[in-house]
């Protein structure tokens, strides 16, 4: 089986259940990542802009950006997710769905988009060359002066959140990380340290403008956050936003968001 076919098969198996549709909305804690990301996007997005949403899933960001007056081309590798998004966009002007890989954008014009979102592909691309091609293709289709947004899963936070579900650090636990370097095994997702994230973006010719801890400790504190009153949750979000771009907080987030140009 070819490398690209294996990746497609992995992604299709991972998302076959359709649970991605509620990942960012199923609880207050889960919404922190979405609310933070939209808050950042709203600093840049304006009506009439052309957006390319790579790894669009079931439309978590495609739909709100359409509602803000953008035109959105959504690319999704998972057949289940793409079918759900096609159903949501049926009869709605301004949105199109393309089934395929974010690393293979040959049919998309160079400099054709004001905003390029890459909010999932780098969770799943195991091959280094294909990962770099995904980033470079994102850069190619972005217009001069446009903005590119990349999301990563943090290698250094996941062990702490995993401790909620199992004794992650027990010597007898199955080998899920290198016990010398603490690099997680890349299965079923690909995990990066903060330095690795920065290096891969700059090596592909991008300038990093902002770095955001998009969900912070929300998974680690999910029970407490979900039990908050409306007033407490609103104040917690204010605190999270206050912390989210502090350099000392970036290592303590499951997901990192980068704004580049």
Protein backbone atom coordinates (compact mmCIF):
# COMPACT_ATOMS: atom_id res chain seq x y z
CA UNK A 1 0.00 0.00 0.00
CA UNK A 2 1.34 3.45 -0.93
CA UNK A 3 2.23 5.90 1.86
CA UNK A 4 -0.62 8.30 1.00
CA UNK A 5 -3.10 5.43 0.87
CA UNK A 6 -1.98 4.24 4.30
CA UNK A 7 -2.46 7.72 5.73
CA UNK A 8 -5.92 7.99 4.17
CA UNK A 9 -6.86 4.60 5.61
CA UNK A 10 -5.62 5.61 9.09
CA UNK A 11 -7.60 8.86 9.01
CA UNK A 12 -10.74 7.16 7.75
CA UNK A 13 -10.55 4.55 10.52
CA UNK A 14 -9.90 7.18 13.21
CA UNK A 15 -12.88 9.36 12.25
CA UNK A 16 -15.33 6.70 11.07
CA UNK A 17 -17.49 7.05 14.19
CA UNK A 18 -18.40 10.67 13.42
CA UNK A 19 -17.52 11.84 16.94
CA UNK A 20 -15.34 14.65 15.55
CA UNK A 21 -18.56 16.58 14.97
CA UNK A 22 -18.96 17.23 18.71
CA UNK A 23 -15.30 17.32 19.80
CA UNK A 24 -15.23 21.11 20.23
CA UNK A 25 -18.79 21.53 21.52
CA UNK A 26 -19.56 18.60 23.82
CA UNK A 27 -18.76 20.49 27.04
CA UNK A 28 -17.60 23.84 28.36
CA UNK A 29 -14.07 22.51 28.72
CA UNK A 30 -14.09 21.27 25.14
CA UNK A 31 -15.29 24.66 23.89
CA UNK A 32 -12.22 26.49 25.23
CA UNK A 33 -10.10 25.52 22.20
CA UNK A 34 -12.80 26.58 19.74
CA UNK A 35 -13.57 29.88 21.49
CA UNK A 36 -9.88 30.77 21.75
CA UNK A 37 -9.24 29.93 18.10
CA UNK A 38 -12.23 31.96 16.90
CA UNK A 39 -11.12 34.87 19.09
CA UNK A 40 -7.73 34.85 17.34
CA UNK A 41 -9.24 34.38 13.87
CA UNK A 42 -11.52 37.36 14.41
CA UNK A 43 -8.44 39.57 14.69
CA UNK A 44 -7.75 38.86 11.01
CA UNK A 45 -10.89 37.67 9.23
CA UNK A 46 -13.03 40.19 7.36
CA UNK A 47 -16.18 39.74 5.22
CA UNK A 48 -15.37 38.94 1.60
CA UNK A 49 -12.11 37.15 2.34
CA UNK A 50 -11.27 33.86 0.66
CA UNK A 51 -10.47 31.10 3.16
CA UNK A 52 -8.94 27.67 2.58
CA UNK A 53 -9.81 25.36 5.48
CA UNK A 54 -7.43 22.37 5.35
CA UNK A 55 -8.46 19.42 7.48
CA UNK A 56 -11.86 21.05 7.87
CA UNK A 57 -13.40 18.10 9.70
CA UNK A 58 -17.17 18.53 9.90
CA UNK A 59 -17.00 22.31 9.59
CA UNK A 60 -16.24 23.64 13.07
CA UNK A 61 -14.57 26.70 11.52
CA UNK A 62 -15.93 26.52 7.97
CA UNK A 63 -19.47 27.32 9.08
CA UNK A 64 -18.78 30.34 11.34
CA UNK A 65 -16.47 31.85 8.71
CA UNK A 66 -19.20 31.49 6.09
CA UNK A 67 -21.58 33.24 8.47
CA UNK A 68 -19.07 36.10 8.74
CA UNK A 69 -19.26 36.66 4.98
CA UNK A 70 -16.18 34.74 3.82
CA UNK A 71 -16.05 32.26 0.97
CA UNK A 72 -14.58 28.99 2.21
CA UNK A 73 -13.04 26.07 0.36
CA UNK A 74 -12.83 23.13 2.77
CA UNK A 75 -10.46 20.21 2.24
CA UNK A 76 -11.01 17.02 4.25
CA UNK A 77 -9.38 13.59 4.02
CA UNK A 78 -11.85 11.62 6.15
CA UNK A 79 -14.79 10.37 4.10
CA UNK A 80 -17.08 10.41 7.14
CA UNK A 81 -16.22 14.00 8.06
CA UNK A 82 -16.40 15.20 4.46
CA UNK A 83 -19.84 13.66 3.96
CA UNK A 84 -21.14 15.35 7.12
CA UNK A 85 -19.75 18.70 6.00
CA UNK A 86 -21.19 18.32 2.49
CA UNK A 87 -24.59 17.76 4.07
CA UNK A 88 -24.25 20.87 6.24
CA UNK A 89 -23.23 23.03 3.26
CA UNK A 90 -25.90 21.75 0.89
CA UNK A 91 -27.72 24.74 -0.58
CA UNK A 92 -25.51 27.28 1.19
CA UNK A 93 -23.63 29.71 -1.06
CA UNK A 94 -19.94 30.41 -0.56
CA UNK A 95 -18.78 27.04 0.71
CA UNK A 96 -17.27 24.09 -1.16
CA UNK A 97 -15.92 20.74 0.02
CA UNK A 98 -12.97 18.95 -1.59
CA UNK A 99 -12.02 15.43 -0.56
CA UNK A 100 -8.28 15.00 -0.39
CA UNK A 101 -4.99 15.64 1.36
CA UNK A 102 -3.71 19.00 2.59
CA UNK A 103 -0.31 18.00 1.21
CA UNK A 104 -1.67 17.69 -2.37
CA UNK A 105 -3.14 21.05 -3.39
CA UNK A 106 -2.20 21.03 -7.06
CA UNK A 107 -5.71 22.07 -8.09
CA UNK A 108 -5.67 25.19 -5.94
CA UNK A 109 -4.26 28.49 -7.25
CA UNK A 110 -1.05 30.02 -5.94
CA UNK A 111 -1.79 33.13 -3.89
CA UNK A 112 -5.50 32.46 -4.06
CA UNK A 113 -6.47 32.79 -0.38
CA UNK A 114 -6.44 35.54 2.23
CA UNK A 115 -6.61 33.05 5.10
CA UNK A 116 -5.30 29.47 5.18
CA UNK A 117 -6.27 27.23 8.09
CA UNK A 118 -4.32 24.08 8.87
CA UNK A 119 -6.17 22.80 11.93
CA UNK A 120 -5.82 19.04 11.66
CA UNK A 121 -3.54 17.74 8.93
CA UNK A 122 -0.37 18.03 11.02
CA UNK A 123 -2.00 15.83 13.68
CA UNK A 124 -1.89 12.95 11.21
CA UNK A 125 1.05 13.30 8.81
CA UNK A 126 3.75 10.91 10.01
CA UNK A 127 6.15 11.34 7.09
CA UNK A 128 8.55 14.30 7.38
CA UNK A 129 8.64 15.09 3.66
CA UNK A 130 4.85 15.02 3.40
CA UNK A 131 4.55 17.24 6.48
CA UNK A 132 6.90 19.82 4.96
CA UNK A 133 4.99 19.63 1.67
CA UNK A 134 1.76 20.34 3.55
CA UNK A 135 3.26 23.48 5.12
CA UNK A 136 4.84 24.66 1.87
CA UNK A 137 1.61 24.10 -0.05
CA UNK A 138 -0.25 26.12 2.58
CA UNK A 139 2.27 28.90 2.01
CA UNK A 140 1.98 28.65 -1.79
CA UNK A 141 -1.78 29.13 -1.87
CA UNK A 142 -1.67 32.06 0.58
CA UNK A 143 -1.65 35.51 -1.01
CA UNK A 144 1.12 37.98 -0.26
CA UNK A 145 0.25 39.55 3.07
CA UNK A 146 -2.20 36.77 3.91
CA UNK A 147 -2.25 34.85 7.18
CA UNK A 148 -1.72 31.17 7.83
CA UNK A 149 -2.89 29.38 10.97
CA UNK A 150 -1.44 26.06 12.13
CA UNK A 151 -2.52 23.81 14.99
CA UNK A 152 -0.34 21.18 16.66
CA UNK A 153 -0.72 18.69 19.49
CA UNK A 154 1.81 19.29 22.25
CA UNK A 155 4.13 16.44 23.14
CA UNK A 156 4.84 17.86 26.60
CA UNK A 157 1.28 18.37 27.89
CA UNK A 158 -0.33 15.12 26.79
CA UNK A 159 1.35 12.98 29.50
CA UNK A 160 -0.28 15.10 32.19
CA UNK A 161 -3.76 14.86 30.70
CA UNK A 162 -3.27 11.12 30.14
CA UNK A 163 -2.76 10.74 33.89
CA UNK A 164 -6.50 11.35 34.30
CA UNK A 165 -7.24 8.12 32.48
CA UNK A 166 -4.41 5.76 33.51
CA UNK A 167 -1.16 5.56 35.48
CA UNK A 168 0.80 6.94 32.56
CA UNK A 169 4.18 7.08 34.31
CA UNK A 170 4.10 3.65 35.95
CA UNK A 171 7.12 1.58 34.82
CA UNK A 172 4.79 -1.27 33.90
CA UNK A 173 2.59 0.84 31.64
CA UNK A 174 2.83 -0.09 27.98
CA UNK A 175 5.60 1.79 26.21
CA UNK A 176 3.95 4.96 24.89
CA UNK A 177 6.95 7.28 25.06
CA UNK A 178 10.73 7.27 24.94
CA UNK A 179 11.72 7.02 28.61
CA UNK A 180 14.91 8.94 27.96
CA UNK A 181 13.60 11.93 25.96
CA UNK A 182 9.87 11.82 26.85
CA UNK A 183 9.02 11.92 23.13
CA UNK A 184 5.58 10.32 22.78
CA UNK A 185 4.95 7.51 20.34
CA UNK A 186 3.23 9.01 17.30
CA UNK A 187 0.14 6.83 17.36
CA UNK A 188 -2.60 7.59 16.49
CA UNK A 189 -1.58 11.26 16.46
CA UNK A 190 1.71 13.04 15.80
CA UNK A 191 3.09 14.98 18.76
CA UNK A 192 5.57 17.88 18.70
CA UNK A 193 7.52 19.89 21.22
CA UNK A 194 7.27 23.67 21.04
CA UNK A 195 10.75 23.91 19.51
CA UNK A 196 9.85 21.33 16.87
CA UNK A 197 6.72 23.28 15.94
CA UNK A 198 8.68 26.49 15.53
CA UNK A 199 11.46 24.84 13.56
CA UNK A 200 9.22 23.17 11.00
CA UNK A 201 7.31 26.37 10.25
CA UNK A 202 10.35 28.61 9.91
CA UNK A 203 12.22 25.97 7.87
CA UNK A 204 9.38 26.16 5.33
CA UNK A 205 9.80 29.93 4.96
CA UNK A 206 7.11 31.21 7.30
CA UNK A 207 7.35 34.05 9.79
CA UNK A 208 5.67 33.26 13.12
CA UNK A 209 3.68 36.25 14.40
CA UNK A 210 1.81 34.74 17.34
CA UNK A 211 1.85 31.57 19.45
CA UNK A 212 -1.27 30.67 21.44
CA UNK A 213 -2.04 27.97 24.00
CA UNK A 214 -5.45 27.34 22.52
CA UNK A 215 -6.94 25.03 25.14
CA UNK A 216 -4.50 25.46 28.01
CA UNK A 217 -5.32 23.19 30.95
CA UNK A 218 -8.97 22.74 29.97
CA UNK A 219 -8.76 18.95 29.53
CA UNK A 220 -6.81 18.56 32.73
CA UNK A 221 -9.44 20.61 34.61
CA UNK A 222 -12.47 19.47 32.63
CA UNK A 223 -14.51 18.36 35.65
CA UNK A 224 -14.01 21.67 37.46
CA UNK A 225 -14.63 23.79 34.35
CA UNK A 226 -17.79 21.89 33.41
CA UNK A 227 -19.17 22.40 36.93
CA UNK A 228 -18.71 26.18 36.84
CA UNK A 229 -21.61 28.62 36.82
CA UNK A 230 -22.07 30.80 33.75
CA UNK A 231 -20.43 33.70 35.56
CA UNK A 232 -17.48 31.61 36.71
CA UNK A 233 -16.98 30.13 33.26
CA UNK A 234 -16.95 33.58 31.66
CA UNK A 235 -14.32 34.70 34.16
CA UNK A 236 -12.31 31.52 33.60
CA UNK A 237 -12.27 32.25 29.86
CA UNK A 238 -11.01 35.77 30.56
CA UNK A 239 -8.23 34.28 32.68
CA UNK A 240 -7.40 31.71 29.98
CA UNK A 241 -7.20 34.40 27.30
CA UNK A 242 -4.99 36.47 29.61
CA UNK A 243 -2.59 33.52 29.96
CA UNK A 244 -2.84 32.00 26.50
CA UNK A 245 -0.05 33.97 24.80
CA UNK A 246 2.34 34.16 27.73
CA UNK A 247 5.55 32.35 26.74
CA UNK A 248 5.69 30.52 30.05
CA UNK A 249 2.22 29.01 29.45
CA UNK A 250 2.77 27.64 25.94
CA UNK A 251 4.12 24.30 27.15
CA UNK A 252 1.00 23.70 29.21
CA UNK A 253 -1.61 23.24 26.52
CA UNK A 254 -2.70 20.16 24.59
CA UNK A 255 -3.09 22.23 21.43
CA UNK A 256 -0.94 25.09 20.17
CA UNK A 257 -2.07 27.63 17.58
CA UNK A 258 0.43 29.54 15.41
CA UNK A 259 -0.32 32.62 13.33
CA UNK A 260 2.13 32.99 10.43
CA UNK A 261 2.69 34.97 7.29
